[in-house]
Amino acid sequence: MLYLFLTFVVLLLIVMGTRGLTLLFGLGINVISVLALLILIADGFNILITTGIIAMVILVVAIYMNVDNTKTASTAFKTSLLIMVVILLITVPLEFWANAQGLAAENQDELESFSLAAGISYPQLAISIIVINSLGVISETSVAITSGLNEIVENKPTLTPTEIFNDGFSVGNKILNTQTNTLLFNFFSSTFPLFFVIHSLGYGVGEIVNDKLVVAEVLTTLICTIGVILTVPITSYLVYRGSKKVTAN
């Protein structure tokens, strides 16, 4: 594992030069942030408030440390924050209604000798997992769309609001194709072991659809995908507002 990490560092520095050091520093901060989140939750801090604070730290590092254009970084950060709020509004009621949080029957062998009195709210923990899971793909999508759309607006300052939105959707559609596939592949790769267990136990379609672990993974993937899709109109609107202010001044 150490050799693999060193290979990653060397290749990163060869490809990106000194900018690779900034990326490594940002990755280090985000790793520490996630570990801090786990420790704070385990120590009894409010899960949702702690997740919100750590999520903002992760977004600041992921966006502002990797984007040179301040205008692009600011728009991408605002977009990511708005999407995070939308994800929370969707996830909070959905997790309580779906009742897919916590551990399932497939985990009983591993947990047989352990106490389940963890002292935390599993619904809130599930919400935290979805929010943290969505940050990477949302920040990446918002930065990509904002960068492309800002460049178009700067080269064509006479664009009308309709044209800006059309260009935003044009840029966003190309990015959404790859991001949606990324989320889909992540879903299947993370659930391969689970589906092997389900197959070996002879689950029927109804049992699979109602299995807690399957539902939790599906909810996470769908909510993250909704967040990525909403990035397109929100980013287009924010870029339009920014260009309108510049024109007015």
Protein backbone atom coordinates (compact mmCIF):
# COMPACT_ATOMS: atom_id res chain seq x y z
CA MET A 1 0.00 0.00 0.00
CA LEU A 2 2.85 2.37 0.83
CA TYR A 3 4.53 1.65 -2.51
CA LEU A 4 1.26 2.28 -4.33
CA PHE A 5 0.82 5.62 -2.55
CA LEU A 6 4.39 6.64 -3.40
CA THR A 7 3.76 5.71 -7.03
CA PHE A 8 0.66 7.92 -6.98
CA VAL A 9 2.63 10.85 -5.54
CA VAL A 10 5.49 10.50 -8.04
CA LEU A 11 3.16 10.26 -11.04
CA LEU A 12 1.12 13.21 -9.77
CA LEU A 13 4.22 15.39 -9.46
CA ILE A 14 5.49 14.32 -12.89
CA VAL A 15 2.19 15.16 -14.58
CA MET A 16 1.18 18.28 -12.60
CA GLY A 17 4.55 19.62 -11.43
CA THR A 18 4.49 21.87 -8.37
CA ARG A 19 0.70 22.16 -8.63
CA GLY A 20 0.58 18.51 -7.60
CA LEU A 21 1.82 19.57 -4.16
CA THR A 22 -1.23 21.81 -3.79
CA LEU A 23 -3.47 18.92 -4.77
CA LEU A 24 -1.76 16.63 -2.25
CA PHE A 25 -2.12 19.25 0.46
CA GLY A 26 -5.82 19.63 -0.32
CA LEU A 27 -6.32 15.86 -0.28
CA GLY A 28 -4.58 15.71 3.08
CA ILE A 29 -6.88 18.38 4.53
CA ASN A 30 -9.97 16.57 3.23
CA VAL A 31 -8.81 13.23 4.66
CA ILE A 32 -8.24 14.89 8.03
CA SER A 33 -11.67 16.56 7.76
CA VAL A 34 -13.43 13.24 7.17
CA LEU A 35 -11.53 11.62 10.06
CA ALA A 36 -12.47 14.58 12.26
CA LEU A 37 -16.11 14.08 11.26
CA LEU A 38 -15.98 10.43 12.32
CA ILE A 39 -14.33 11.28 15.65
CA LEU A 40 -16.76 14.11 16.42
CA ILE A 41 -19.79 11.94 15.63
CA ALA A 42 -18.38 9.13 17.79
CA ASP A 43 -17.87 11.64 20.62
CA GLY A 44 -21.54 12.62 20.57
CA PHE A 45 -21.58 15.87 18.57
CA ASN A 46 -24.73 16.65 16.59
CA ILE A 47 -24.39 14.68 13.36
CA LEU A 48 -26.18 17.06 10.98
CA ILE A 49 -24.51 20.25 12.26
CA THR A 50 -21.07 18.63 12.30
CA THR A 51 -21.60 17.22 8.80
CA GLY A 52 -22.65 20.65 7.49
CA ILE A 53 -19.52 22.33 8.90
CA ILE A 54 -17.14 19.63 7.65
CA ALA A 55 -18.89 19.59 4.24
CA MET A 56 -18.26 23.34 3.83
CA VAL A 57 -14.60 22.86 4.74
CA ILE A 58 -14.28 20.07 2.16
CA LEU A 59 -15.95 22.22 -0.52
CA VAL A 60 -13.70 25.21 0.20
CA VAL A 61 -10.59 23.04 -0.10
CA ALA A 62 -11.82 21.09 -3.14
CA ILE A 63 -12.83 24.20 -5.08
CA TYR A 64 -10.72 27.18 -4.02
CA MET A 65 -7.44 25.25 -3.81
CA ASN A 66 -7.85 23.75 -7.28
CA VAL A 67 -9.37 26.60 -9.27
CA ASP A 68 -7.23 29.59 -10.22
CA ASN A 69 -10.08 31.81 -11.43
CA THR A 70 -11.69 33.39 -8.35
CA LYS A 71 -14.94 34.13 -10.19
CA THR A 72 -15.27 30.51 -11.29
CA ALA A 73 -14.43 29.22 -7.81
CA SER A 74 -16.96 31.54 -6.16
CA THR A 75 -19.78 30.51 -8.50
CA ALA A 76 -18.94 26.81 -8.15
CA PHE A 77 -18.88 27.13 -4.35
CA LYS A 78 -22.28 28.86 -4.26
CA THR A 79 -23.71 26.20 -6.56
CA SER A 80 -22.31 23.38 -4.41
CA LEU A 81 -23.75 24.94 -1.23
CA LEU A 82 -27.20 25.32 -2.79
CA ILE A 83 -27.13 21.73 -4.05
CA MET A 84 -26.04 20.52 -0.61
CA VAL A 85 -29.06 22.27 0.94
CA VAL A 86 -31.35 20.69 -1.68
CA ILE A 87 -29.85 17.26 -0.98
CA LEU A 88 -30.50 17.73 2.72
CA LEU A 89 -34.12 18.76 2.05
CA ILE A 90 -34.60 15.63 -0.06
CA THR A 91 -32.63 13.23 2.11
CA VAL A 92 -33.97 14.08 5.59
CA PRO A 93 -37.61 13.05 5.00
CA LEU A 94 -36.66 10.29 2.54
CA GLU A 95 -34.35 8.50 4.98
CA PHE A 96 -36.98 8.50 7.70
CA TRP A 97 -39.70 7.25 5.35
CA ALA A 98 -37.54 4.59 3.68
CA ASN A 99 -36.22 3.31 7.02
CA ALA A 100 -33.09 2.10 5.21
CA GLN A 101 -30.57 3.34 7.76
CA GLY A 102 -28.43 1.22 10.03
CA LEU A 103 -27.44 -2.41 9.61
CA ALA A 104 -29.27 -5.24 7.87
CA ALA A 105 -29.76 -8.97 8.37
CA GLU A 106 -26.72 -9.65 6.16
CA ASN A 107 -24.52 -8.07 8.86
CA GLN A 108 -25.68 -10.27 11.73
CA ASP A 109 -22.73 -12.70 11.64
CA GLU A 110 -20.15 -9.90 11.83
CA LEU A 111 -22.06 -8.11 14.63
CA GLU A 112 -22.99 -11.11 16.73
CA SER A 113 -20.41 -10.44 19.46
CA PHE A 114 -20.78 -6.65 19.46
CA SER A 115 -23.16 -4.35 21.28
CA LEU A 116 -25.55 -2.43 19.02
CA ALA A 117 -26.03 0.36 21.56
CA ALA A 118 -23.85 2.79 19.60
CA GLY A 119 -25.60 5.84 21.05
CA ILE A 120 -26.02 7.61 17.70
CA SER A 121 -28.94 8.29 15.37
CA TYR A 122 -28.65 5.95 12.40
CA PRO A 123 -31.05 8.04 10.25
CA GLN A 124 -28.87 11.11 10.80
CA LEU A 125 -25.75 9.03 10.12
CA ALA A 126 -27.27 7.88 6.82
CA ILE A 127 -27.94 11.52 5.89
CA SER A 128 -24.33 12.40 6.71
CA ILE A 129 -23.07 9.57 4.50
CA ILE A 130 -25.14 10.75 1.53
CA VAL A 131 -24.02 14.38 1.91
CA ILE A 132 -20.32 13.51 2.16
CA ASN A 133 -20.67 11.03 -0.71
CA SER A 134 -22.14 13.70 -2.97
CA LEU A 135 -19.57 16.44 -2.36
CA GLY A 136 -16.92 15.22 -4.79
CA VAL A 137 -19.12 14.74 -7.82
CA ILE A 138 -21.10 17.95 -7.17
CA SER A 139 -18.03 20.17 -6.75
CA GLU A 140 -16.40 18.61 -9.81
CA THR A 141 -19.50 19.13 -11.95
CA SER A 142 -20.07 22.70 -10.78
CA VAL A 143 -16.45 23.69 -11.45
CA ALA A 144 -16.50 22.13 -14.93
CA ILE A 145 -19.77 23.79 -15.96
CA THR A 146 -18.85 27.16 -14.44
CA SER A 147 -15.43 27.20 -16.13
CA GLY A 148 -16.89 26.42 -19.55
CA LEU A 149 -19.81 28.81 -19.23
CA ASN A 150 -17.70 31.71 -17.89
CA GLU A 151 -15.34 31.33 -20.82
CA ILE A 152 -18.26 31.47 -23.26
CA VAL A 153 -19.73 34.56 -21.57
CA GLU A 154 -16.35 36.35 -21.52
CA ASN A 155 -15.82 35.70 -25.23
CA LYS A 156 -19.42 36.66 -26.08
CA PRO A 157 -20.47 39.44 -23.66
CA THR A 158 -23.57 40.24 -25.75
CA LEU A 159 -25.27 36.91 -25.01
CA THR A 160 -28.91 37.12 -23.96
CA PRO A 161 -30.18 35.31 -20.83
CA THR A 162 -31.77 32.63 -23.02
CA GLU A 163 -28.50 32.07 -24.88
CA ILE A 164 -26.56 31.83 -21.60
CA PHE A 165 -28.97 29.22 -20.28
CA ASN A 166 -28.85 27.31 -23.57
CA ASP A 167 -25.05 27.33 -23.51
CA GLY A 168 -25.09 26.26 -19.86
CA PHE A 169 -27.32 23.30 -20.64
CA SER A 170 -25.17 22.45 -23.67
CA VAL A 171 -22.01 22.35 -21.54
CA GLY A 172 -23.83 20.59 -18.70
CA ASN A 173 -25.28 17.84 -20.89
CA LYS A 174 -21.83 16.74 -22.00
CA ILE A 175 -20.60 16.61 -18.42
CA LEU A 176 -23.75 14.93 -17.08
CA ASN A 177 -23.23 11.94 -19.38
CA THR A 178 -19.87 11.11 -17.83
CA GLN A 179 -20.86 11.96 -14.25
CA THR A 180 -24.02 9.84 -14.40
CA ASN A 181 -22.01 6.89 -15.68
CA THR A 182 -19.45 7.46 -12.91
CA LEU A 183 -22.17 7.32 -10.25
CA LEU A 184 -23.70 4.23 -11.85
CA PHE A 185 -20.38 2.39 -11.98
CA ASN A 186 -19.63 3.39 -8.38
CA PHE A 187 -22.99 1.93 -7.35
CA PHE A 188 -22.34 -1.42 -9.01
CA SER A 189 -18.73 -1.66 -7.83
CA SER A 190 -19.71 -0.96 -4.20
CA THR A 191 -22.62 -3.42 -4.26
CA PHE A 192 -20.95 -6.35 -6.04
CA PRO A 193 -20.28 -8.28 -2.78
CA LEU A 194 -23.84 -7.57 -1.61
CA PHE A 195 -25.36 -8.92 -4.83
CA PHE A 196 -23.23 -12.07 -4.57
CA VAL A 197 -24.64 -12.63 -1.07
CA ILE A 198 -28.18 -11.95 -2.28
CA HIS A 199 -27.73 -14.38 -5.16
CA SER A 200 -26.34 -17.10 -2.91
CA LEU A 201 -29.26 -16.68 -0.48
CA GLY A 202 -31.77 -16.98 -3.31
CA TYR A 203 -33.53 -13.65 -2.76
CA GLY A 204 -36.59 -12.94 -4.90
CA VAL A 205 -37.28 -9.63 -6.65
CA GLY A 206 -39.49 -8.42 -3.79
CA GLU A 207 -36.84 -9.23 -1.20
CA ILE A 208 -34.14 -7.45 -3.20
CA VAL A 209 -36.27 -4.32 -3.67
CA ASN A 210 -37.02 -4.23 0.07
CA ASP A 211 -33.53 -5.15 1.27
CA LYS A 212 -32.20 -2.41 3.54
CA LEU A 213 -28.65 -2.37 2.15
CA VAL A 214 -29.81 -2.32 -1.48
CA VAL A 215 -32.30 0.48 -0.78
CA ALA A 216 -29.62 2.53 1.03
CA GLU A 217 -27.21 2.26 -1.91
CA VAL A 218 -29.93 3.05 -4.46
CA LEU A 219 -31.07 6.10 -2.47
CA THR A 220 -27.49 7.38 -2.23
CA THR A 221 -26.92 6.99 -5.97
CA LEU A 222 -30.25 8.57 -6.97
CA ILE A 223 -29.89 11.54 -4.62
CA CYS A 224 -26.34 12.21 -5.81
CA THR A 225 -27.54 12.00 -9.42
CA ILE A 226 -30.35 14.48 -8.71
CA GLY A 227 -27.76 16.83 -7.18
CA VAL A 228 -25.56 16.58 -10.28
CA ILE A 229 -28.52 17.25 -12.61
CA LEU A 230 -29.57 20.33 -10.58
CA THR A 231 -26.04 21.69 -10.94
CA VAL A 232 -26.76 22.62 -14.57
CA PRO A 233 -29.67 25.09 -14.12
CA ILE A 234 -28.32 26.53 -10.86
CA THR A 235 -24.87 27.17 -12.33
CA SER A 236 -26.37 28.68 -15.49
CA TYR A 237 -28.48 31.05 -13.39
CA LEU A 238 -25.60 32.13 -11.16
CA VAL A 239 -23.31 32.76 -14.15
CA TYR A 240 -26.07 34.78 -15.80
CA ARG A 241 -26.55 36.88 -12.65
CA GLY A 242 -22.79 37.47 -12.41
CA SER A 243 -22.55 38.57 -16.05
CA LYS A 244 -25.59 40.84 -15.60
CA LYS A 245 -23.96 42.61 -12.65
CA VAL A 246 -20.77 43.14 -14.67
CA THR A 247 -22.79 44.57 -17.56
CA ALA A 248 -24.71 46.89 -15.24
CA ASN A 249 -21.47 48.25 -13.73
